[in-house]
Amino acid sequence: MSQVFLVGAGPGGRDYLTLRAVDVLAKAEVVLYDDLVDPQLLALAPQNALRLDVGKRAGQPSLDQTEISALLLFHARAGSRVVRLKSGDSFIFGRAVEELEALSLAGFDFEVVPGISTALAAPLLAGIPLTDKAWSQHFCVLSAHQAESLPWRALAQIDTLVILMGTRNLSTIAKHLMDCGRPPAMPVAVIYWAGRPEQRTIVGTLETIAQQVVQETGPAVIVIGPVVRHREKFLWFDRRPLFGRRILVTRAVEQATEFSLALRSLGAEVLEMPALEVTAPTSWEALDRAIAEIRAYSWLILTSANGVVAFFERLKFHGLDLRALADVRVAVVGPKTAKVAAEFGLRPDFMPKSYVADALLAEFPECEKLLGARILFVRVESGGREVITQQLIAWGALVDEVAGYRSECPKNTDPDCLAALRAGQIDCVTFASTKTVHNFVQLLTGEQITSLLKGVSIASIGPQTSKACFEHFGRVDIEATEYTLEGLQSAIVKQFSRHQPD
């Protein structure tokens, strides 16, 4: 049986989706989405899902409602799991009725997943309560798409008006309300791109607001009433430390985006540029041999999350689990590596206080007892961390360095990231490893990197990464004092809190 879901996407990114919406998108086979849906949300659908843009754009070629309904029916008849994704809440000026009627007439079952309406979310995100004991006993939500046909005399009696699709008719709206007795000094707020990093709010009065927004573009929610005065006290969205900043995060392909999500929660707009591709090693032979002799090792050293995943997946391949490490002590570098290890049920025996190779060696326990001890060091195929192996050998240990994974530079540059760099729209670019620095440069072969990064802050996770940045860019503007992604986040916040955007 076909499964069709009408999903409200809320006002912005995934932070404002319901849990049910996330679950439905994760299982979608076809996604039909509107123009105002945040592009981030499309990434929540499976990689092989068909994504169809059916948005309506004023003054531009687009599908009409009949064609959209026909597409919905076509994919439903094909037996696909179909998600119809609409901005805000589908039942508030979302033209959901036509589509549901078409499904119903054709005999298809459907589920409607509520979304947070922009009419309610935009004022909240702008610091404007829609109700107030003194100023707003009631509010009304309306569309001003056909402003002349609205009952303005009745509307002028309502404490707070929330108007969608009204910016083109703002002067008409203001005139009608003033003609019906609303004072020219009545506060008005126009909130553009609510819930997005580019959200901006313009505050004026019925007398001035139309002229104030004449140069502005984008979807907007208009709030009219005394409650707009609360914005000065309750403003919070715009005050987040990275609000208005555009940050380019270089990362591994398919890597978890916790870092990006953390930056977004602080107000940044984040673009992710894959600069590292993690794949299987050229050969599993060395790791397989080590796993076969795993009980002979005194220590297992893991210096990256990728190494942890590679080791445990290969362990599973051989029908083994954590019990194989019963007599093996494990050392990791950094809380991220420890966190991934914990997901496999492993609690490391040793993690240095500082998250660099030098600290691993300086704090390594009972190094005087390593004479003749066998140590397994799982690392990237291309090598690195030679200082660890050299020192362990100097202490008398027998070290087996084995490749658990391979890291390569992706073949193509993300076009959106490159366009943003060329347009000077990036405030900061982040690097969490030396490999991402080298690969970033390789991806931009043929570009004038100095010119692309002019005015862009370069942020590094630690000394080794900074060394690579100096090699290629001649500078580092931000360096984490704690060599973790959390430390890098803190350093970026500290830097930009000193220089607020205009």
Protein backbone atom coordinates (compact mmCIF):
# COMPACT_ATOMS: atom_id res chain seq x y z
CA MET A 1 0.00 0.00 0.00
CA SER A 2 1.23 3.48 -0.83
CA GLN A 3 2.13 5.76 2.03
CA VAL A 4 1.64 9.49 1.56
CA PHE A 5 2.60 12.03 4.21
CA LEU A 6 1.80 15.73 4.21
CA VAL A 7 4.52 17.20 6.41
CA GLY A 8 4.78 20.68 7.88
CA ALA A 9 8.44 21.75 7.73
CA GLY A 10 8.20 24.54 10.28
CA PRO A 11 9.91 27.92 9.85
CA GLY A 12 13.53 26.92 9.34
CA GLY A 13 16.04 24.11 9.76
CA ARG A 14 15.71 20.73 11.43
CA ASP A 15 15.66 22.31 14.91
CA TYR A 16 12.03 23.27 14.33
CA LEU A 17 10.84 19.96 12.87
CA THR A 18 8.70 17.62 14.93
CA LEU A 19 10.20 14.23 15.78
CA ARG A 20 7.51 12.61 13.66
CA ALA A 21 8.54 14.73 10.66
CA VAL A 22 12.18 13.68 11.07
CA ASP A 23 11.16 10.02 11.21
CA VAL A 24 8.94 10.29 8.12
CA LEU A 25 11.60 12.10 6.09
CA ALA A 26 14.21 9.50 7.05
CA LYS A 27 12.11 6.82 5.31
CA ALA A 28 10.97 8.82 2.29
CA GLU A 29 11.37 7.50 -1.26
CA VAL A 30 9.99 10.62 -2.96
CA VAL A 31 9.98 14.16 -1.55
CA LEU A 32 7.94 16.91 -3.18
CA TYR A 33 8.98 20.17 -1.56
CA ASP A 34 7.97 23.81 -1.71
CA ASP A 35 10.20 26.76 -2.53
CA LEU A 36 10.36 28.05 1.04
CA VAL A 37 11.44 24.74 2.59
CA ASP A 38 14.91 25.02 4.13
CA PRO A 39 17.33 23.07 1.85
CA GLN A 40 18.92 21.53 4.99
CA LEU A 41 15.80 19.42 5.48
CA LEU A 42 16.21 17.60 2.19
CA ALA A 43 19.40 16.01 3.54
CA LEU A 44 17.27 14.18 6.12
CA ALA A 45 15.79 12.00 3.38
CA PRO A 46 17.74 8.93 2.22
CA GLN A 47 20.48 9.67 -0.29
CA ASN A 48 18.67 7.74 -3.04
CA ALA A 49 15.30 9.43 -2.46
CA LEU A 50 13.86 11.34 -5.40
CA ARG A 51 13.64 15.06 -4.60
CA LEU A 52 11.25 17.19 -6.65
CA ASP A 53 11.05 20.96 -6.38
CA VAL A 54 7.40 21.93 -6.86
CA GLY A 55 7.61 25.40 -5.33
CA LYS A 56 5.61 28.29 -6.65
CA ARG A 57 7.59 31.44 -7.36
CA ALA A 58 5.87 34.76 -7.97
CA GLY A 59 6.52 35.95 -11.51
CA GLN A 60 8.57 32.86 -12.41
CA PRO A 61 7.69 29.62 -14.23
CA SER A 62 6.42 27.01 -11.77
CA LEU A 63 3.98 24.13 -11.52
CA ASP A 64 0.35 24.99 -10.87
CA GLN A 65 -1.63 23.24 -8.16
CA THR A 66 -3.22 20.75 -10.57
CA GLU A 67 0.21 19.62 -11.79
CA ILE A 68 1.48 19.24 -8.21
CA SER A 69 -1.50 17.09 -7.28
CA ALA A 70 -0.96 14.99 -10.42
CA LEU A 71 2.69 14.39 -9.46
CA LEU A 72 1.63 13.37 -5.96
CA LEU A 73 -0.86 10.85 -7.38
CA PHE A 74 1.65 9.51 -9.92
CA HIS A 75 4.19 8.57 -7.25
CA ALA A 76 1.51 7.27 -4.91
CA ARG A 77 0.24 4.93 -7.64
CA ALA A 78 3.82 3.75 -8.21
CA GLY A 79 3.78 2.44 -4.63
CA SER A 80 6.39 4.88 -3.33
CA ARG A 81 6.57 6.27 0.17
CA VAL A 82 5.83 9.91 -0.65
CA VAL A 83 6.46 12.98 1.50
CA ARG A 84 4.86 16.27 0.55
CA LEU A 85 6.95 18.84 2.41
CA LYS A 86 5.50 22.31 2.99
CA SER A 87 6.94 25.27 4.88
CA GLY A 88 5.39 26.12 8.25
CA ASP A 89 2.16 24.20 8.89
CA SER A 90 0.41 22.69 5.87
CA PHE A 91 -3.05 23.68 7.08
CA ILE A 92 -2.30 27.38 7.47
CA PHE A 93 -2.34 28.96 3.99
CA GLY A 94 -0.52 25.90 2.68
CA ARG A 95 -3.09 24.91 0.02
CA ALA A 96 -3.19 21.46 1.51
CA VAL A 97 -6.91 21.04 0.86
CA GLU A 98 -6.54 20.61 -2.91
CA GLU A 99 -3.87 17.96 -2.54
CA LEU A 100 -5.70 15.99 0.14
CA GLU A 101 -8.90 16.09 -1.89
CA ALA A 102 -7.03 14.66 -4.89
CA LEU A 103 -5.61 11.84 -2.74
CA SER A 104 -8.96 11.16 -1.13
CA LEU A 105 -10.82 11.02 -4.46
CA ALA A 106 -8.19 8.62 -5.81
CA GLY A 107 -8.64 6.38 -2.75
CA PHE A 108 -5.20 6.85 -1.20
CA ASP A 109 -4.64 6.88 2.54
CA PHE A 110 -2.54 9.70 3.93
CA GLU A 111 -1.14 11.09 7.16
CA VAL A 112 -0.82 14.77 8.01
CA VAL A 113 2.19 15.67 10.18
CA PRO A 114 1.71 19.08 11.85
CA GLY A 115 4.39 21.73 11.53
CA ILE A 116 5.17 24.82 13.58
CA SER A 117 3.40 27.63 11.74
CA THR A 118 5.52 30.60 10.72
CA ALA A 119 2.63 32.76 11.87
CA LEU A 120 3.34 31.64 15.45
CA ALA A 121 7.09 31.02 15.25
CA ALA A 122 8.21 34.24 13.56
CA PRO A 123 6.98 36.60 16.31
CA LEU A 124 8.46 34.30 18.97
CA LEU A 125 11.83 34.23 17.19
CA ALA A 126 11.73 38.01 16.95
CA GLY A 127 11.02 38.40 20.68
CA ILE A 128 7.39 39.44 20.21
CA PRO A 129 4.69 37.68 22.31
CA LEU A 130 1.36 37.49 20.51
CA THR A 131 -0.62 37.76 23.75
CA ASP A 132 -0.11 40.01 26.73
CA LYS A 133 -2.26 40.77 29.76
CA ALA A 134 -2.20 44.51 29.10
CA TRP A 135 -1.66 44.86 25.36
CA SER A 136 -3.06 41.82 23.56
CA GLN A 137 -6.11 39.88 24.68
CA HIS A 138 -6.52 38.37 21.21
CA PHE A 139 -4.73 38.05 17.89
CA CYS A 140 -5.72 37.22 14.33
CA VAL A 141 -3.72 35.43 11.61
CA LEU A 142 -4.58 36.40 8.04
CA SER A 143 -3.28 36.39 4.51
CA ALA A 144 -3.09 39.75 2.77
CA HIS A 145 -2.57 38.28 -0.67
CA GLN A 146 -5.83 40.00 -1.67
CA ALA A 147 -5.70 42.92 0.74
CA GLU A 148 -8.58 44.95 -0.72
CA SER A 149 -11.13 42.22 0.01
CA LEU A 150 -10.41 41.96 3.76
CA PRO A 151 -12.81 43.30 6.46
CA TRP A 152 -10.50 46.08 7.67
CA ARG A 153 -12.98 47.75 9.98
CA ALA A 154 -13.33 44.51 11.97
CA LEU A 155 -9.61 43.76 11.82
CA ALA A 156 -8.77 47.20 13.20
CA GLN A 157 -10.54 46.20 16.42
CA ILE A 158 -8.21 43.24 17.07
CA ASP A 159 -5.27 43.85 19.43
CA THR A 160 -2.62 42.04 17.39
CA LEU A 161 -2.56 41.16 13.70
CA VAL A 162 -0.22 38.55 12.20
CA ILE A 163 -0.18 38.90 8.43
CA LEU A 164 1.29 36.46 5.92
CA MET A 165 1.95 37.20 2.25
CA GLY A 166 1.48 40.91 2.86
CA THR A 167 4.74 42.74 2.17
CA ARG A 168 3.74 43.74 -1.38
CA ASN A 169 0.57 45.29 0.00
CA LEU A 170 2.08 46.79 3.14
CA SER A 171 1.26 50.39 2.26
CA THR A 172 -2.34 49.37 1.50
CA ILE A 173 -2.59 47.46 4.78
CA ALA A 174 -1.26 50.41 6.77
CA LYS A 175 -3.60 52.87 5.05
CA HIS A 176 -6.69 50.75 5.67
CA LEU A 177 -5.87 50.29 9.35
CA MET A 178 -5.19 54.01 9.88
CA ASP A 179 -8.39 54.89 8.01
CA CYS A 180 -10.23 52.57 10.42
CA GLY A 181 -8.86 54.30 13.51
CA ARG A 182 -5.50 52.68 14.24
CA PRO A 183 -2.98 55.39 15.21
CA PRO A 184 -0.14 56.11 12.75
CA ALA A 185 2.35 55.43 15.59
CA MET A 186 1.10 51.84 16.06
CA PRO A 187 4.20 49.56 16.16
CA VAL A 188 4.82 47.19 13.26
CA ALA A 189 7.47 44.48 12.86
CA VAL A 190 8.33 42.75 9.60
CA ILE A 191 10.24 39.49 10.16
CA TYR A 192 12.07 38.10 7.15
CA TRP A 193 13.27 34.47 6.81
CA ALA A 194 12.09 33.50 10.28
CA GLY A 195 14.05 30.69 11.88
CA ARG A 196 16.90 30.90 9.37
CA PRO A 197 20.41 32.21 10.08
CA GLU A 198 19.59 35.14 7.76
CA GLN A 199 16.54 36.15 9.81
CA ARG A 200 16.18 39.90 10.12
CA THR A 201 13.50 42.08 11.68
CA ILE A 202 12.56 45.64 10.76
CA VAL A 203 10.52 47.62 13.26
CA GLY A 204 8.57 50.74 12.42
CA THR A 205 5.06 52.17 12.62
CA LEU A 206 1.99 52.07 10.41
CA GLU A 207 3.07 55.44 9.08
CA THR A 208 6.68 54.51 8.27
CA ILE A 209 6.98 50.74 7.74
CA ALA A 210 6.13 50.56 4.02
CA GLN A 211 8.96 52.94 3.19
CA GLN A 212 11.36 51.17 5.56
CA VAL A 213 11.04 47.82 3.77
CA VAL A 214 10.84 49.03 0.19
CA GLN A 215 14.28 47.56 -0.64
CA GLU A 216 13.78 44.30 1.28
CA THR A 217 13.05 40.91 -0.30
CA GLY A 218 12.17 37.44 0.92
CA PRO A 219 9.27 35.75 2.72
CA ALA A 220 8.08 37.75 5.71
CA VAL A 221 5.61 37.78 8.56
CA ILE A 222 4.09 41.11 9.60
CA VAL A 223 3.09 41.76 13.22
CA ILE A 224 1.00 44.82 14.03
CA GLY A 225 0.12 45.87 17.56
CA PRO A 226 1.50 47.26 20.84
CA VAL A 227 3.14 43.89 21.67
CA VAL A 228 5.86 44.72 19.11
CA ARG A 229 7.32 47.03 21.80
CA HIS A 230 8.31 43.91 23.77
CA ARG A 231 10.97 43.11 21.16
CA GLU A 232 13.45 45.52 22.76
CA LYS A 233 13.33 43.50 26.00
CA PHE A 234 12.74 39.97 24.75
CA LEU A 235 15.01 39.89 21.71
CA TRP A 236 17.08 36.67 21.87
CA PHE A 237 17.43 35.03 18.46
CA ASP A 238 19.50 37.90 17.04
CA ARG A 239 21.67 38.06 20.17
CA ARG A 240 23.18 34.59 19.82
CA PRO A 241 26.97 34.88 19.62
CA LEU A 242 27.35 33.75 16.00
CA PHE A 243 24.15 35.26 14.62
CA GLY A 244 24.69 36.66 11.14
CA ARG A 245 27.99 34.80 10.62
CA ARG A 246 28.57 32.44 7.70
CA ILE A 247 30.97 29.62 8.54
CA LEU A 248 32.46 27.11 6.11
CA VAL A 249 33.15 23.78 7.81
CA THR A 250 35.59 21.46 6.06
CA ARG A 251 34.76 17.90 7.03
CA ALA A 252 34.93 14.28 6.02
CA VAL A 253 32.38 12.95 3.54
CA GLU A 254 29.47 11.29 5.40
CA GLN A 255 30.91 12.50 8.71
CA ALA A 256 28.52 13.30 11.56
CA THR A 257 27.64 16.99 11.61
CA GLU A 258 27.48 17.60 15.37
CA PHE A 259 29.97 20.45 15.01
CA SER A 260 27.86 22.14 12.34
CA LEU A 261 24.71 21.69 14.40
CA ALA A 262 26.43 23.27 17.41
CA LEU A 263 27.48 26.28 15.34
CA ARG A 264 23.95 26.65 13.97
CA SER A 265 22.51 26.59 17.49
CA LEU A 266 24.72 29.61 18.21
CA GLY A 267 23.20 31.47 15.27
CA ALA A 268 25.67 30.77 12.46
CA GLU A 269 24.76 29.85 8.93
CA VAL A 270 26.91 26.81 8.17
CA LEU A 271 28.08 25.53 4.81
CA GLU A 272 29.70 22.09 4.83
CA MET A 273 32.51 21.41 2.38
CA PRO A 274 33.56 17.75 2.17
CA ALA A 275 37.37 17.83 2.19
CA LEU A 276 38.13 14.31 3.34
CA GLU A 277 36.85 10.96 2.10
CA VAL A 278 37.34 7.99 4.43
CA THR A 279 37.48 4.58 2.73
CA ALA A 280 38.71 1.05 3.43
CA PRO A 281 42.48 0.50 3.37
CA THR A 282 44.13 -0.92 0.27
CA SER A 283 44.42 -4.23 2.12
CA TRP A 284 42.95 -5.61 5.34
CA GLU A 285 45.75 -8.15 5.64
CA ALA A 286 47.79 -6.41 8.36
CA LEU A 287 44.78 -5.60 10.56
CA ASP A 288 43.32 -9.08 10.08
CA ARG A 289 46.62 -10.63 11.16
CA ALA A 290 46.74 -8.38 14.22
CA ILE A 291 43.15 -9.24 15.18
CA ALA A 292 43.98 -12.94 14.92
CA GLU A 293 46.72 -12.36 17.52
CA ILE A 294 44.89 -9.69 19.52
CA ARG A 295 45.35 -11.41 22.91
CA ALA A 296 49.12 -11.22 22.49
CA TYR A 297 49.08 -7.41 22.64
CA SER A 298 49.55 -5.42 25.83
CA TRP A 299 48.16 -2.17 24.41
CA LEU A 300 45.85 -1.02 21.60
CA ILE A 301 46.34 2.62 20.59
CA LEU A 302 43.55 4.52 18.79
CA THR A 303 44.14 8.17 17.88
CA SER A 304 41.03 8.92 15.82
CA ALA A 305 37.33 8.15 15.65
CA ASN A 306 37.87 6.66 12.20
CA GLY A 307 40.42 4.25 13.67
CA VAL A 308 37.95 3.15 16.35
CA VAL A 309 35.20 2.47 13.82
CA ALA A 310 37.57 0.62 11.47
CA PHE A 311 38.92 -1.61 14.25
CA PHE A 312 35.56 -2.61 15.69
CA GLU A 313 33.91 -3.16 12.32
CA ARG A 314 36.78 -5.46 11.35
CA LEU A 315 36.55 -7.19 14.72
CA LYS A 316 32.86 -7.82 14.02
CA PHE A 317 33.73 -9.09 10.54
CA HIS A 318 35.73 -11.86 12.18
CA GLY A 319 32.88 -12.77 14.53
CA LEU A 320 34.52 -11.14 17.56
CA ASP A 321 33.39 -8.49 20.00
CA LEU A 322 34.65 -6.45 22.94
CA ARG A 323 35.51 -9.61 24.87
CA ALA A 324 38.49 -10.11 22.55
CA LEU A 325 40.13 -7.14 24.32
CA ALA A 326 39.75 -8.60 27.80
CA ASP A 327 43.51 -8.65 28.43
CA VAL A 328 44.42 -5.66 26.26
CA ARG A 329 44.73 -2.13 27.64
CA VAL A 330 43.46 0.64 25.36
CA ALA A 331 44.78 4.19 24.94
CA VAL A 332 42.92 6.90 23.01
CA VAL A 333 43.68 10.50 22.13
CA GLY A 334 40.86 12.96 22.71
CA PRO A 335 37.27 12.86 23.98
CA LYS A 336 35.82 12.44 20.47
CA THR A 337 37.76 9.20 20.03
CA ALA A 338 36.73 8.12 23.54
CA LYS A 339 33.08 8.93 22.77
CA VAL A 340 33.07 6.79 19.63
CA ALA A 341 34.83 4.01 21.55
CA ALA A 342 32.09 4.19 24.19
CA GLU A 343 29.50 3.59 21.46
CA PHE A 344 31.14 0.19 20.99
CA GLY A 345 31.09 -0.44 24.74
CA LEU A 346 34.77 0.35 25.24
CA ARG A 347 36.00 2.41 28.18
CA PRO A 348 39.65 3.39 27.52
CA ASP A 349 42.29 2.65 30.12
CA PHE A 350 44.18 5.82 29.30
CA MET A 351 43.48 9.20 27.70
CA PRO A 352 45.96 12.09 28.07
CA LYS A 353 44.80 15.38 29.58
CA SER A 354 45.89 17.22 26.44
CA TYR A 355 44.60 15.82 23.21
CA VAL A 356 47.81 15.66 21.16
CA ALA A 357 50.39 12.96 20.44
CA ASP A 358 53.04 14.65 22.60
CA ALA A 359 50.75 14.43 25.63
CA LEU A 360 50.04 10.76 24.95
CA LEU A 361 53.76 10.09 25.24
CA ALA A 362 54.42 12.46 28.13
CA GLU A 363 51.65 10.93 30.25
CA PHE A 364 51.76 7.32 29.06
CA PRO A 365 51.46 5.05 32.13
CA GLU A 366 54.27 2.73 33.19
CA CYS A 367 56.36 3.39 30.10
CA GLU A 368 59.30 1.81 31.91
CA LYS A 369 57.46 -1.54 31.76
CA LEU A 370 57.05 -1.54 27.98
CA LEU A 371 60.26 -3.44 27.26
CA GLY A 372 59.25 -6.36 25.04
CA ALA A 373 55.54 -5.47 25.19
CA ARG A 374 53.56 -5.79 21.96
CA ILE A 375 51.53 -2.70 21.02
CA LEU A 376 48.95 -2.46 18.22
CA PHE A 377 48.62 1.00 16.69
CA VAL A 378 45.62 1.33 14.30
CA ARG A 379 45.97 4.40 12.11
CA VAL A 380 45.31 5.88 8.67
CA GLU A 381 47.02 4.10 5.77
CA SER A 382 49.05 7.14 4.74
CA GLY A 383 50.81 7.17 8.08
CA GLY A 384 51.30 10.02 10.52
CA ARG A 385 51.86 10.20 14.27
CA GLU A 386 55.36 8.78 13.66
CA VAL A 387 56.52 10.32 16.91
CA ILE A 388 54.28 7.89 18.83
CA THR A 389 55.76 4.81 17.21
CA GLN A 390 59.34 6.08 17.52
CA GLN A 391 59.01 6.78 21.23
CA LEU A 392 57.32 3.47 21.98
CA ILE A 393 60.14 1.66 20.20
CA ALA A 394 62.65 3.73 22.15
CA TRP A 395 61.00 2.44 25.33
CA GLY A 396 61.57 -1.09 24.09
CA ALA A 397 58.07 -1.92 22.86
CA LEU A 398 57.34 -4.03 19.78
CA VAL A 399 54.96 -1.86 17.75
CA ASP A 400 52.72 -3.07 14.93
CA GLU A 401 51.42 -0.12 12.91
CA VAL A 402 48.45 -1.27 10.83
CA ALA A 403 46.16 0.59 8.45
CA GLY A 404 42.52 0.66 9.51
CA TYR A 405 41.30 3.13 6.93
CA ARG A 406 42.39 5.39 4.11
CA SER A 407 41.67 9.10 3.75
CA GLU A 408 41.59 10.77 0.38
CA CYS A 409 40.70 14.10 -1.14
CA PRO A 410 37.22 14.17 -2.73
CA LYS A 411 37.22 14.46 -6.50
CA ASN A 412 34.97 17.51 -6.71
CA THR A 413 34.51 20.80 -4.88
CA ASP A 414 31.08 21.58 -3.47
CA PRO A 415 29.72 24.21 -5.94
CA ASP A 416 27.72 26.13 -3.32
CA CYS A 417 30.77 26.48 -1.06
CA LEU A 418 32.97 27.60 -3.93
CA ALA A 419 30.36 30.15 -5.05
CA ALA A 420 30.10 31.55 -1.51
CA LEU A 421 33.90 31.89 -1.28
CA ARG A 422 34.08 33.63 -4.65
CA ALA A 423 31.30 36.01 -3.64
CA GLY A 424 33.03 36.94 -0.37
CA GLN A 425 30.12 35.56 1.66
CA ILE A 426 32.14 33.51 4.17
CA ASP A 427 33.21 34.91 7.55
CA CYS A 428 35.20 31.92 8.78
CA VAL A 429 36.55 28.59 7.49
CA THR A 430 37.30 25.81 9.97
CA PHE A 431 39.92 23.05 9.83
CA ALA A 432 39.90 20.09 12.24
CA SER A 433 42.94 18.25 10.84
CA THR A 434 46.01 18.81 8.69
CA LYS A 435 44.48 16.59 6.01
CA THR A 436 41.49 18.90 5.60
CA VAL A 437 43.87 21.84 5.11
CA HIS A 438 45.91 20.07 2.41
CA ASN A 439 42.78 18.74 0.69
CA PHE A 440 41.06 22.13 0.83
CA VAL A 441 43.99 23.57 -1.09
CA GLN A 442 43.91 20.67 -3.56
CA LEU A 443 40.19 21.11 -4.14
CA LEU A 444 40.75 24.78 -4.93
CA THR A 445 43.50 24.14 -7.47
CA GLY A 446 43.26 26.84 -10.13
CA GLU A 447 41.68 29.34 -7.73
CA GLN A 448 43.41 32.35 -6.21
CA ILE A 449 43.23 31.08 -2.64
CA THR A 450 44.69 34.25 -1.13
CA SER A 451 41.97 36.26 -2.83
CA LEU A 452 39.23 33.77 -1.87
CA LEU A 453 40.23 33.92 1.79
CA LYS A 454 40.66 37.67 1.98
CA GLY A 455 38.66 38.85 4.98
CA VAL A 456 37.91 35.24 5.99
CA SER A 457 39.00 34.11 9.46
CA ILE A 458 40.94 30.84 9.42
CA ALA A 459 40.12 28.65 12.41
CA SER A 460 42.29 25.69 13.46
CA ILE A 461 41.68 22.92 15.98
CA GLY A 462 45.27 22.86 17.24
CA PRO A 463 49.01 23.37 16.66
CA GLN A 464 49.55 20.69 14.00
CA THR A 465 46.61 21.90 11.95
CA SER A 466 47.77 25.49 12.44
CA LYS A 467 51.18 24.52 11.07
CA ALA A 468 49.52 23.33 7.87
CA CYS A 469 47.46 26.55 7.71
CA PHE A 470 50.61 28.67 7.97
CA GLU A 471 52.22 26.55 5.26
CA HIS A 472 49.40 27.16 2.78
CA PHE A 473 47.77 30.44 3.88
CA GLY A 474 50.49 32.21 5.85
CA ARG A 475 48.23 32.77 8.83
CA VAL A 476 45.84 31.41 11.45
CA ASP A 477 43.30 33.76 13.01
CA ILE A 478 41.65 31.42 15.53
CA GLU A 479 43.21 28.45 17.30
CA ALA A 480 41.51 26.26 19.87
CA THR A 481 43.17 26.15 23.27
CA GLU A 482 41.52 22.77 23.89
CA TYR A 483 42.20 20.64 20.83
CA THR A 484 38.67 19.38 20.29
CA LEU A 485 35.71 20.45 18.18
CA GLU A 486 34.16 21.88 21.34
CA GLY A 487 37.35 23.84 21.92
CA LEU A 488 37.31 25.08 18.33
CA GLN A 489 33.69 26.15 18.74
CA SER A 490 34.56 28.10 21.89
CA ALA A 491 37.48 29.82 20.17
CA ILE A 492 35.26 30.89 17.25
CA VAL A 493 32.64 32.28 19.64
CA LYS A 494 35.31 34.18 21.56
CA GLN A 495 36.70 35.68 18.38
CA PHE A 496 33.40 36.83 16.91
CA SER A 497 31.92 38.05 20.19
CA ARG A 498 34.54 40.79 19.97
CA HIS A 499 33.42 41.78 16.48
CA GLN A 500 29.65 41.84 16.16
CA PRO A 501 28.25 41.92 12.58
CA ASP A 502 26.80 45.15 11.27
